[in-house]
Amino acid sequence: MHKKISHRITMLRLQKGVSEYQMSLELGKNRSYIQSISSGKALPSMAMFLEICEYFNITPSEFFDFEVDDPHKIKRFYDLLKDFDAQELDAVYNMLYVFAENKGK
């Protein structure tokens, strides 16, 4: 689990386009704080973990959903879907179903 947490923070940081140094400072920590987490030498405290989730604008649940590479895209997709009516949702669902079936082949 330690490696997964380190990798997840690194992946989210790169998607955000910030350096380890910049992220450390923006979280109010010393400049090597995130580097020590990314290298696997340390884990954040629970309070800092929650701050990291807030920094990335994701929930802890989204953080630990390791099957999703980009939780922000999923969140944006969900936000778009909220405005669709039932018929539009059915059309999107059917399209996704076809994609999923083709991917499984």
PDB file of N, CA and C in Angstrom:
ATOM      1  N   MET A   1       0.833  -1.200   0.000  1.00  0.00           N
ATOM      2  CA  MET A   1       0.000   0.000   0.000  1.00  0.00           C
ATOM      3  C   MET A   1       0.871   1.255   0.000  1.00  0.00           C
ATOM      4  N   HIS A   2       1.994   1.180   0.689  1.00  0.00           N
ATOM      5  CA  HIS A   2       2.909   2.312   0.771  1.00  0.00           C
ATOM      6  C   HIS A   2       3.312   2.800  -0.623  1.00  0.00           C
ATOM      7  N   LYS A   3       3.669   1.850  -1.494  1.00  0.00           N
ATOM      8  CA  LYS A   3       4.077   2.197  -2.860  1.00  0.00           C
ATOM      9  C   LYS A   3       2.928   2.797  -3.653  1.00  0.00           C
ATOM     10  N   LYS A   4       1.720   2.264  -3.453  1.00  0.00           N
ATOM     11  CA  LYS A   4       0.565   2.769  -4.183  1.00  0.00           C
ATOM     12  C   LYS A   4       0.269   4.211  -3.799  1.00  0.00           C
ATOM     13  N   ILE A   5       0.389   4.522  -2.522  1.00  0.00           N
ATOM     14  CA  ILE A   5       0.144   5.897  -2.067  1.00  0.00           C
ATOM     15  C   ILE A   5       1.186   6.840  -2.658  1.00  0.00           C
ATOM     16  N   SER A   6       2.445   6.438  -2.592  1.00  0.00           N
ATOM     17  CA  SER A   6       3.525   7.263  -3.156  1.00  0.00           C
ATOM     18  C   SER A   6       3.322   7.490  -4.649  1.00  0.00           C
ATOM     19  N   HIS A   7       2.993   6.410  -5.344  1.00  0.00           N
ATOM     20  CA  HIS A   7       2.781   6.505  -6.791  1.00  0.00           C
ATOM     21  C   HIS A   7       1.579   7.399  -7.106  1.00  0.00           C
ATOM     22  N   ARG A   8       0.514   7.261  -6.343  1.00  0.00           N
ATOM     23  CA  ARG A   8      -0.700   8.045  -6.590  1.00  0.00           C
ATOM     24  C   ARG A   8      -0.416   9.535  -6.418  1.00  0.00           C
ATOM     25  N   ILE A   9       0.293   9.885  -5.358  1.00  0.00           N
ATOM     26  CA  ILE A   9       0.630  11.298  -5.138  1.00  0.00           C
ATOM     27  C   ILE A   9       1.485  11.818  -6.285  1.00  0.00           C
ATOM     28  N   THR A  10       2.453  11.034  -6.715  1.00  0.00           N
ATOM     29  CA  THR A  10       3.308  11.446  -7.834  1.00  0.00           C
ATOM     30  C   THR A  10       2.484  11.640  -9.103  1.00  0.00           C
ATOM     31  N   MET A  11       1.608  10.687  -9.397  1.00  0.00           N
ATOM     32  CA  MET A  11       0.786  10.769 -10.603  1.00  0.00           C
ATOM     33  C   MET A  11      -0.111  12.010 -10.573  1.00  0.00           C
ATOM     34  N   LEU A  12      -0.773  12.245  -9.443  1.00  0.00           N
ATOM     35  CA  LEU A  12      -1.659  13.410  -9.330  1.00  0.00           C
ATOM     36  C   LEU A  12      -0.873  14.718  -9.409  1.00  0.00           C
ATOM     37  N   ARG A  13       0.314  14.709  -8.822  1.00  0.00           N
ATOM     38  CA  ARG A  13       1.159  15.910  -8.864  1.00  0.00           C
ATOM     39  C   ARG A  13       1.576  16.224 -10.295  1.00  0.00           C
ATOM     40  N   LEU A  14       1.965  15.197 -11.040  1.00  0.00           N
ATOM     41  CA  LEU A  14       2.361  15.404 -12.432  1.00  0.00           C
ATOM     42  C   LEU A  14       1.183  15.869 -13.280  1.00  0.00           C
ATOM     43  N   GLN A  15      -0.003  15.310 -13.029  1.00  0.00           N
ATOM     44  CA  GLN A  15      -1.184  15.752 -13.760  1.00  0.00           C
ATOM     45  C   GLN A  15      -1.488  17.216 -13.470  1.00  0.00           C
ATOM     46  N   LYS A  16      -1.211  17.644 -12.257  1.00  0.00           N
ATOM     47  CA  LYS A  16      -1.441  19.038 -11.877  1.00  0.00           C
ATOM     48  C   LYS A  16      -0.343  19.948 -12.428  1.00  0.00           C
ATOM     49  N   GLY A  17       0.784  19.356 -12.775  1.00  0.00           N
ATOM     50  CA  GLY A  17       1.875  20.121 -13.373  1.00  0.00           C
ATOM     51  C   GLY A  17       2.700  20.905 -12.367  1.00  0.00           C
ATOM     52  N   VAL A  18       2.869  20.344 -11.177  1.00  0.00           N
ATOM     53  CA  VAL A  18       3.676  21.013 -10.160  1.00  0.00           C
ATOM     54  C   VAL A  18       4.847  20.123  -9.760  1.00  0.00           C
ATOM     55  N   SER A  19       5.905  20.742  -9.330  1.00  0.00           N
ATOM     56  CA  SER A  19       7.081  19.997  -8.879  1.00  0.00           C
ATOM     57  C   SER A  19       6.880  19.541  -7.438  1.00  0.00           C
ATOM     58  N   GLU A  20       7.716  18.603  -7.013  1.00  0.00           N
ATOM     59  CA  GLU A  20       7.680  18.170  -5.617  1.00  0.00           C
ATOM     60  C   GLU A  20       7.955  19.355  -4.701  1.00  0.00           C
ATOM     61  N   TYR A  21       8.928  20.156  -5.084  1.00  0.00           N
ATOM     62  CA  TYR A  21       9.304  21.337  -4.311  1.00  0.00           C
ATOM     63  C   TYR A  21       8.119  22.301  -4.170  1.00  0.00           C
ATOM     64  N   GLN A  22       7.488  22.628  -5.297  1.00  0.00           N
ATOM     65  CA  GLN A  22       6.358  23.559  -5.289  1.00  0.00           C
ATOM     66  C   GLN A  22       5.202  23.027  -4.442  1.00  0.00           C
ATOM     67  N   MET A  23       4.883  21.752  -4.611  1.00  0.00           N
ATOM     68  CA  MET A  23       3.787  21.173  -3.841  1.00  0.00           C
ATOM     69  C   MET A  23       4.089  21.202  -2.349  1.00  0.00           C
ATOM     70  N   SER A  24       5.323  20.868  -1.982  1.00  0.00           N
ATOM     71  CA  SER A  24       5.719  20.906  -0.574  1.00  0.00           C
ATOM     72  C   SER A  24       5.491  22.288   0.010  1.00  0.00           C
ATOM     73  N   LEU A  25       5.946  23.306  -0.697  1.00  0.00           N
ATOM     74  CA  LEU A  25       5.809  24.677  -0.201  1.00  0.00           C
ATOM     75  C   LEU A  25       4.351  25.106  -0.138  1.00  0.00           C
ATOM     76  N   GLU A  26       3.558  24.727  -1.150  1.00  0.00           N
ATOM     77  CA  GLU A  26       2.146  25.105  -1.160  1.00  0.00           C
ATOM     78  C   GLU A  26       1.359  24.425  -0.045  1.00  0.00           C
ATOM     79  N   LEU A  27       1.872  23.291   0.426  1.00  0.00           N
ATOM     80  CA  LEU A  27       1.243  22.609   1.558  1.00  0.00           C
ATOM     81  C   LEU A  27       1.797  23.098   2.898  1.00  0.00           C
ATOM     82  N   GLY A  28       2.736  24.050   2.835  1.00  0.00           N
ATOM     83  CA  GLY A  28       3.304  24.604   4.062  1.00  0.00           C
ATOM     84  C   GLY A  28       4.347  23.718   4.712  1.00  0.00           C
ATOM     85  N   LYS A  29       4.971  22.877   3.924  1.00  0.00           N
ATOM     86  CA  LYS A  29       5.979  21.948   4.439  1.00  0.00           C
ATOM     87  C   LYS A  29       7.353  22.335   3.915  1.00  0.00           C
ATOM     88  N   ASN A  30       8.392  21.665   4.447  1.00  0.00           N
ATOM     89  CA  ASN A  30       9.733  21.947   3.944  1.00  0.00           C
ATOM     90  C   ASN A  30       9.838  21.459   2.508  1.00  0.00           C
ATOM     91  N   ARG A  31      10.806  21.954   1.799  1.00  0.00           N
ATOM     92  CA  ARG A  31      10.877  21.750   0.353  1.00  0.00           C
ATOM     93  C   ARG A  31      11.063  20.294  -0.077  1.00  0.00           C
ATOM     94  N   SER A  32      11.517  19.428   0.800  1.00  0.00           N
ATOM     95  CA  SER A  32      11.735  18.032   0.424  1.00  0.00           C
ATOM     96  C   SER A  32      10.631  17.104   0.946  1.00  0.00           C
ATOM     97  N   TYR A  33       9.575  17.669   1.508  1.00  0.00           N
ATOM     98  CA  TYR A  33       8.522  16.852   2.107  1.00  0.00           C
ATOM     99  C   TYR A  33       7.893  15.888   1.096  1.00  0.00           C
ATOM    100  N   ILE A  34       7.434  16.393  -0.030  1.00  0.00           N
ATOM    101  CA  ILE A  34       6.777  15.538  -1.024  1.00  0.00           C
ATOM    102  C   ILE A  34       7.776  14.569  -1.648  1.00  0.00           C
ATOM    103  N   GLN A  35       9.014  14.983  -1.806  1.00  0.00           N
ATOM    104  CA  GLN A  35      10.031  14.085  -2.346  1.00  0.00           C
ATOM    105  C   GLN A  35      10.209  12.881  -1.424  1.00  0.00           C
ATOM    106  N   SER A  36      10.159  13.084  -0.124  1.00  0.00           N
ATOM    107  CA  SER A  36      10.314  11.956   0.803  1.00  0.00           C
ATOM    108  C   SER A  36       9.125  11.002   0.724  1.00  0.00           C
ATOM    109  N   ILE A  37       7.942  11.533   0.422  1.00  0.00           N
ATOM    110  CA  ILE A  37       6.770  10.669   0.245  1.00  0.00           C
ATOM    111  C   ILE A  37       6.866   9.938  -1.091  1.00  0.00           C
ATOM    112  N   SER A  38       7.223  10.666  -2.142  1.00  0.00           N
ATOM    113  CA  SER A  38       7.312  10.072  -3.476  1.00  0.00           C
ATOM    114  C   SER A  38       8.367   8.977  -3.542  1.00  0.00           C
ATOM    115  N   SER A  39       9.433   9.134  -2.789  1.00  0.00           N
ATOM    116  CA  SER A  39      10.502   8.134  -2.797  1.00  0.00           C
ATOM    117  C   SER A  39      10.179   6.944  -1.898  1.00  0.00           C
ATOM    118  N   GLY A  40       9.091   7.031  -1.143  1.00  0.00           N
ATOM    119  CA  GLY A  40       8.706   5.933  -0.265  1.00  0.00           C
ATOM    120  C   GLY A  40       9.348   5.965   1.100  1.00  0.00           C
ATOM    121  N   LYS A  41      10.057   7.031   1.404  1.00  0.00           N
ATOM    122  CA  LYS A  41      10.720   7.137   2.708  1.00  0.00           C
ATOM    123  C   LYS A  41       9.763   7.530   3.822  1.00  0.00           C
ATOM    124  N   ALA A  42       8.627   8.124   3.459  1.00  0.00           N
ATOM    125  CA  ALA A  42       7.679   8.595   4.469  1.00  0.00           C
ATOM    126  C   ALA A  42       6.261   8.506   3.928  1.00  0.00           C
ATOM    127  N   LEU A  43       5.328   8.530   4.852  1.00  0.00           N
ATOM    128  CA  LEU A  43       3.913   8.633   4.508  1.00  0.00           C
ATOM    129  C   LEU A  43       3.356   9.872   5.203  1.00  0.00           C
ATOM    130  N   PRO A  44       2.362  10.513   4.594  1.00  0.00           N
ATOM    131  CA  PRO A  44       1.776  11.677   5.261  1.00  0.00           C
ATOM    132  C   PRO A  44       0.932  11.245   6.465  1.00  0.00           C
ATOM    133  N   SER A  45       0.815  12.130   7.430  1.00  0.00           N
ATOM    134  CA  SER A  45      -0.108  11.885   8.542  1.00  0.00           C
ATOM    135  C   SER A  45      -1.522  11.917   7.986  1.00  0.00           C
ATOM    136  N   MET A  46      -2.475  11.497   8.783  1.00  0.00           N
ATOM    137  CA  MET A  46      -3.868  11.522   8.330  1.00  0.00           C
ATOM    138  C   MET A  46      -4.295  12.951   8.017  1.00  0.00           C
ATOM    139  N   ALA A  47      -3.946  13.889   8.871  1.00  0.00           N
ATOM    140  CA  ALA A  47      -4.315  15.290   8.639  1.00  0.00           C
ATOM    141  C   ALA A  47      -3.688  15.800   7.340  1.00  0.00           C
ATOM    142  N   MET A  48      -2.426  15.451   7.118  1.00  0.00           N
ATOM    143  CA  MET A  48      -1.759  15.905   5.894  1.00  0.00           C
ATOM    144  C   MET A  48      -2.324  15.187   4.673  1.00  0.00           C
ATOM    145  N   PHE A  49      -2.687  13.922   4.829  1.00  0.00           N
ATOM    146  CA  PHE A  49      -3.314  13.201   3.726  1.00  0.00           C
ATOM    147  C   PHE A  49      -4.592  13.919   3.289  1.00  0.00           C
ATOM    148  N   LEU A  50      -5.397  14.351   4.238  1.00  0.00           N
ATOM    149  CA  LEU A  50      -6.627  15.072   3.908  1.00  0.00           C
ATOM    150  C   LEU A  50      -6.319  16.401   3.232  1.00  0.00           C
ATOM    151  N   GLU A  51      -5.249  17.068   3.658  1.00  0.00           N
ATOM    152  CA  GLU A  51      -4.826  18.307   2.996  1.00  0.00           C
ATOM    153  C   GLU A  51      -4.358  18.031   1.568  1.00  0.00           C
ATOM    154  N   ILE A  52      -3.678  16.912   1.379  1.00  0.00           N
ATOM    155  CA  ILE A  52      -3.213  16.541   0.038  1.00  0.00           C
ATOM    156  C   ILE A  52      -4.413  16.284  -0.869  1.00  0.00           C
ATOM    157  N   CYS A  53      -5.416  15.586  -0.352  1.00  0.00           N
ATOM    158  CA  CYS A  53      -6.633  15.363  -1.149  1.00  0.00           C
ATOM    159  C   CYS A  53      -7.281  16.693  -1.515  1.00  0.00           C
ATOM    160  N   GLU A  54      -7.342  17.596  -0.557  1.00  0.00           N
ATOM    161  CA  GLU A  54      -7.911  18.927  -0.824  1.00  0.00           C
ATOM    162  C   GLU A  54      -7.063  19.666  -1.861  1.00  0.00           C
ATOM    163  N   TYR A  55      -5.762  19.547  -1.763  1.00  0.00           N
ATOM    164  CA  TYR A  55      -4.839  20.180  -2.705  1.00  0.00           C
ATOM    165  C   TYR A  55      -5.127  19.717  -4.137  1.00  0.00           C
ATOM    166  N   PHE A  56      -5.423  18.415  -4.281  1.00  0.00           N
ATOM    167  CA  PHE A  56      -5.724  17.864  -5.598  1.00  0.00           C
ATOM    168  C   PHE A  56      -7.199  17.970  -5.957  1.00  0.00           C
ATOM    169  N   ASN A  57      -7.998  18.487  -5.047  1.00  0.00           N
ATOM    170  CA  ASN A  57      -9.440  18.641  -5.254  1.00  0.00           C
ATOM    171  C   ASN A  57     -10.121  17.295  -5.534  1.00  0.00           C
ATOM    172  N   ILE A  58      -9.751  16.296  -4.722  1.00  0.00           N
ATOM    173  CA  ILE A  58     -10.369  14.982  -4.802  1.00  0.00           C
ATOM    174  C   ILE A  58     -10.738  14.525  -3.395  1.00  0.00           C
ATOM    175  N   THR A  59     -11.627  13.557  -3.323  1.00  0.00           N
ATOM    176  CA  THR A  59     -12.000  12.973  -2.040  1.00  0.00           C
ATOM    177  C   THR A  59     -11.010  11.857  -1.694  1.00  0.00           C
ATOM    178  N   PRO A  60     -10.930  11.485  -0.427  1.00  0.00           N
ATOM    179  CA  PRO A  60     -10.100  10.321  -0.080  1.00  0.00           C
ATOM    180  C   PRO A  60     -10.516   9.065  -0.848  1.00  0.00           C
ATOM    181  N   SER A  61     -11.800   8.899  -1.055  1.00  0.00           N
ATOM    182  CA  SER A  61     -12.282   7.747  -1.821  1.00  0.00           C
ATOM    183  C   SER A  61     -11.730   7.777  -3.247  1.00  0.00           C
ATOM    184  N   GLU A  62     -11.742   8.944  -3.863  1.00  0.00           N
ATOM    185  CA  GLU A  62     -11.187   9.075  -5.222  1.00  0.00           C
ATOM    186  C   GLU A  62      -9.684   8.825  -5.211  1.00  0.00           C
ATOM    187  N   PHE A  63      -9.004   9.254  -4.155  1.00  0.00           N
ATOM    188  CA  PHE A  63      -7.568   9.026  -4.050  1.00  0.00           C
ATOM    189  C   PHE A  63      -7.262   7.530  -4.074  1.00  0.00           C
ATOM    190  N   PHE A  64      -8.041   6.751  -3.310  1.00  0.00           N
ATOM    191  CA  PHE A  64      -7.761   5.326  -3.182  1.00  0.00           C
ATOM    192  C   PHE A  64      -8.394   4.467  -4.277  1.00  0.00           C
ATOM    193  N   ASP A  65      -9.070   5.076  -5.224  1.00  0.00           N
ATOM    194  CA  ASP A  65      -9.598   4.320  -6.358  1.00  0.00           C
ATOM    195  C   ASP A  65      -8.482   4.196  -7.390  1.00  0.00           C
ATOM    196  N   PHE A  66      -7.585   3.255  -7.145  1.00  0.00           N
ATOM    197  CA  PHE A  66      -6.379   3.113  -7.956  1.00  0.00           C
ATOM    198  C   PHE A  66      -6.664   2.658  -9.383  1.00  0.00           C
ATOM    199  N   GLU A  67      -7.868   2.191  -9.648  1.00  0.00           N
ATOM    200  CA  GLU A  67      -8.213   1.786 -11.009  1.00  0.00           C
ATOM    201  C   GLU A  67      -8.463   2.991 -11.911  1.00  0.00           C
ATOM    202  N   VAL A  68      -8.668   4.157 -11.330  1.00  0.00           N
ATOM    203  CA  VAL A  68      -8.928   5.380 -12.085  1.00  0.00           C
ATOM    204  C   VAL A  68      -7.642   6.198 -12.132  1.00  0.00           C
ATOM    205  N   ASP A  69      -7.091   6.352 -13.335  1.00  0.00           N
ATOM    206  CA  ASP A  69      -5.844   7.098 -13.478  1.00  0.00           C
ATOM    207  C   ASP A  69      -6.024   8.594 -13.300  1.00  0.00           C
ATOM    208  N   ASP A  70      -7.160   9.119 -13.722  1.00  0.00           N
ATOM    209  CA  ASP A  70      -7.384  10.562 -13.662  1.00  0.00           C
ATOM    210  C   ASP A  70      -8.755  10.844 -13.044  1.00  0.00           C
ATOM    211  N   PRO A  71      -8.813  10.940 -11.714  1.00  0.00           N
ATOM    212  CA  PRO A  71     -10.105  11.167 -11.065  1.00  0.00           C
ATOM    213  C   PRO A  71     -10.758  12.483 -11.469  1.00  0.00           C
ATOM    214  N   HIS A  72      -9.965  13.449 -11.909  1.00  0.00           N
ATOM    215  CA  HIS A  72     -10.539  14.733 -12.328  1.00  0.00           C
ATOM    216  C   HIS A  72     -11.397  14.578 -13.587  1.00  0.00           C
ATOM    217  N   LYS A  73     -10.958  13.735 -14.502  1.00  0.00           N
ATOM    218  CA  LYS A  73     -11.751  13.504 -15.714  1.00  0.00           C
ATOM    219  C   LYS A  73     -13.062  12.814 -15.376  1.00  0.00           C
ATOM    220  N   ILE A  74     -13.010  11.862 -14.467  1.00  0.00           N
ATOM    221  CA  ILE A  74     -14.232  11.173 -14.050  1.00  0.00           C
ATOM    222  C   ILE A  74     -15.191  12.166 -13.411  1.00  0.00           C
ATOM    223  N   LYS A  75     -14.648  13.039 -12.569  1.00  0.00           N
ATOM    224  CA  LYS A  75     -15.483  14.045 -11.897  1.00  0.00           C
ATOM    225  C   LYS A  75     -16.093  15.005 -12.913  1.00  0.00           C
ATOM    226  N   ARG A  76     -15.319  15.447 -13.897  1.00  0.00           N
ATOM    227  CA  ARG A  76     -15.843  16.349 -14.932  1.00  0.00           C
ATOM    228  C   ARG A  76     -16.908  15.647 -15.764  1.00  0.00           C
ATOM    229  N   PHE A  77     -16.668  14.387 -16.069  1.00  0.00           N
ATOM    230  CA  PHE A  77     -17.640  13.607 -16.829  1.00  0.00           C
ATOM    231  C   PHE A  77     -18.951  13.497 -16.044  1.00  0.00           C
ATOM    232  N   TYR A  78     -18.840  13.187 -14.779  1.00  0.00           N
ATOM    233  CA  TYR A  78     -20.019  13.084 -13.919  1.00  0.00           C
ATOM    234  C   TYR A  78     -20.763  14.417 -13.853  1.00  0.00           C
ATOM    235  N   ASP A  79     -20.032  15.499 -13.708  1.00  0.00           N
ATOM    236  CA  ASP A  79     -20.666  16.821 -13.659  1.00  0.00           C
ATOM    237  C   ASP A  79     -21.431  17.131 -14.944  1.00  0.00           C
ATOM    238  N   LEU A  80     -20.878  16.728 -16.076  1.00  0.00           N
ATOM    239  CA  LEU A  80     -21.577  16.924 -17.348  1.00  0.00           C
ATOM    240  C   LEU A  80     -22.851  16.086 -17.410  1.00  0.00           C
ATOM    241  N   LEU A  81     -22.763  14.861 -16.925  1.00  0.00           N
ATOM    242  CA  LEU A  81     -23.911  13.956 -16.994  1.00  0.00           C
ATOM    243  C   LEU A  81     -25.087  14.413 -16.139  1.00  0.00           C
ATOM    244  N   LYS A  82     -24.808  15.153 -15.079  1.00  0.00           N
ATOM    245  CA  LYS A  82     -25.880  15.589 -14.182  1.00  0.00           C
ATOM    246  C   LYS A  82     -26.932  16.436 -14.887  1.00  0.00           C
ATOM    247  N   ASP A  83     -26.549  17.100 -15.973  1.00  0.00           N
ATOM    248  CA  ASP A  83     -27.482  17.965 -16.698  1.00  0.00           C
ATOM    249  C   ASP A  83     -28.239  17.240 -17.811  1.00  0.00           C
ATOM    250  N   PHE A  84     -27.947  15.957 -18.014  1.00  0.00           N
ATOM    251  CA  PHE A  84     -28.596  15.214 -19.087  1.00  0.00           C
ATOM    252  C   PHE A  84     -29.951  14.683 -18.629  1.00  0.00           C
ATOM    253  N   ASP A  85     -30.879  14.597 -19.582  1.00  0.00           N
ATOM    254  CA  ASP A  85     -32.162  13.958 -19.260  1.00  0.00           C
ATOM    255  C   ASP A  85     -32.012  12.445 -19.459  1.00  0.00           C
ATOM    256  N   ALA A  86     -33.070  11.707 -19.167  1.00  0.00           N
ATOM    257  CA  ALA A  86     -33.012  10.243 -19.211  1.00  0.00           C
ATOM    258  C   ALA A  86     -32.643   9.720 -20.595  1.00  0.00           C
ATOM    259  N   GLN A  87     -33.182  10.313 -21.625  1.00  0.00           N
ATOM    260  CA  GLN A  87     -32.901   9.859 -22.987  1.00  0.00           C
ATOM    261  C   GLN A  87     -31.432  10.102 -23.350  1.00  0.00           C
ATOM    262  N   GLU A  88     -30.910  11.248 -22.970  1.00  0.00           N
ATOM    263  CA  GLU A  88     -29.500  11.547 -23.247  1.00  0.00           C
ATOM    264  C   GLU A  88     -28.591  10.610 -22.449  1.00  0.00           C
ATOM    265  N   LEU A  89     -28.947  10.328 -21.204  1.00  0.00           N
ATOM    266  CA  LEU A  89     -28.155   9.391 -20.397  1.00  0.00           C
ATOM    267  C   LEU A  89     -28.152   8.000 -21.019  1.00  0.00           C
ATOM    268  N   ASP A  90     -29.299   7.568 -21.527  1.00  0.00           N
ATOM    269  CA  ASP A  90     -29.365   6.270 -22.201  1.00  0.00           C
ATOM    270  C   ASP A  90     -28.446   6.235 -23.414  1.00  0.00           C
ATOM    271  N   ALA A  91     -28.421   7.311 -24.187  1.00  0.00           N
ATOM    272  CA  ALA A  91     -27.566   7.369 -25.376  1.00  0.00           C
ATOM    273  C   ALA A  91     -26.089   7.286 -24.978  1.00  0.00           C
ATOM    274  N   VAL A  92     -25.702   8.022 -23.954  1.00  0.00           N
ATOM    275  CA  VAL A  92     -24.309   7.989 -23.490  1.00  0.00           C
ATOM    276  C   VAL A  92     -23.970   6.599 -22.949  1.00  0.00           C
ATOM    277  N   TYR A  93     -24.892   6.042 -22.170  1.00  0.00           N
ATOM    278  CA  TYR A  93     -24.671   4.701 -21.622  1.00  0.00           C
ATOM    279  C   TYR A  93     -24.466   3.687 -22.744  1.00  0.00           C
ATOM    280  N   ASN A  94     -25.314   3.730 -23.750  1.00  0.00           N
ATOM    281  CA  ASN A  94     -25.203   2.783 -24.861  1.00  0.00           C
ATOM    282  C   ASN A  94     -23.883   2.942 -25.597  1.00  0.00           C
ATOM    283  N   MET A  95     -23.456   4.172 -25.781  1.00  0.00           N
ATOM    284  CA  MET A  95     -22.183   4.422 -26.436  1.00  0.00           C
ATOM    285  C   MET A  95     -21.029   3.860 -25.588  1.00  0.00           C
ATOM    286  N   LEU A  96     -21.055   4.114 -24.298  1.00  0.00           N
ATOM    287  CA  LEU A  96     -20.004   3.593 -23.414  1.00  0.00           C
ATOM    288  C   LEU A  96     -20.008   2.066 -23.380  1.00  0.00           C
ATOM    289  N   TYR A  97     -21.192   1.498 -23.406  1.00  0.00           N
ATOM    290  CA  TYR A  97     -21.313   0.044 -23.410  1.00  0.00           C
ATOM    291  C   TYR A  97     -20.628  -0.541 -24.642  1.00  0.00           C
ATOM    292  N   VAL A  98     -20.850   0.082 -25.793  1.00  0.00           N
ATOM    293  CA  VAL A  98     -20.222  -0.391 -27.037  1.00  0.00           C
ATOM    294  C   VAL A  98     -18.706  -0.253 -26.928  1.00  0.00           C
ATOM    295  N   PHE A  99     -18.219   0.861 -26.409  1.00  0.00           N
ATOM    296  CA  PHE A  99     -16.769   1.031 -26.221  1.00  0.00           C
ATOM    297  C   PHE A  99     -16.200  -0.050 -25.302  1.00  0.00           C
ATOM    298  N   ALA A 100     -16.891  -0.290 -24.198  1.00  0.00           N
ATOM    299  CA  ALA A 100     -16.430  -1.289 -23.226  1.00  0.00           C
ATOM    300  C   ALA A 100     -16.413  -2.684 -23.842  1.00  0.00           C
ATOM    301  N   GLU A 101     -17.434  -3.010 -24.621  1.00  0.00           N
ATOM    302  CA  GLU A 101     -17.482  -4.311 -25.284  1.00  0.00           C
ATOM    303  C   GLU A 101     -16.343  -4.454 -26.274  1.00  0.00           C
ATOM    304  N   ASN A 102     -16.072  -3.408 -27.039  1.00  0.00           N
ATOM    305  CA  ASN A 102     -14.987  -3.462 -28.026  1.00  0.00           C
ATOM    306  C   ASN A 102     -13.621  -3.539 -27.354  1.00  0.00           C
ATOM    307  N   LYS A 103     -13.484  -2.898 -26.218  1.00  0.00           N
ATOM    308  CA  LYS A 103     -12.219  -2.925 -25.488  1.00  0.00           C
ATOM    309  C   LYS A 103     -11.932  -4.320 -24.942  1.00  0.00           C
ATOM    310  N   GLY A 104     -13.001  -5.036 -24.586  1.00  0.00           N
ATOM    311  CA  GLY A 104     -12.856  -6.377 -24.041  1.00  0.00           C
ATOM    312  C   GLY A 104     -12.504  -7.429 -25.059  1.00  0.00           C
ATOM    313  N   LYS A 105     -12.615  -7.096 -26.324  1.00  0.00           N
ATOM    314  CA  LYS A 105     -12.334  -8.076 -27.382  1.00  0.00           C
ATOM    315  C   LYS A 105     -10.865  -8.249 -27.607  1.00  0.00           C
TER     316      LYS A 105
END
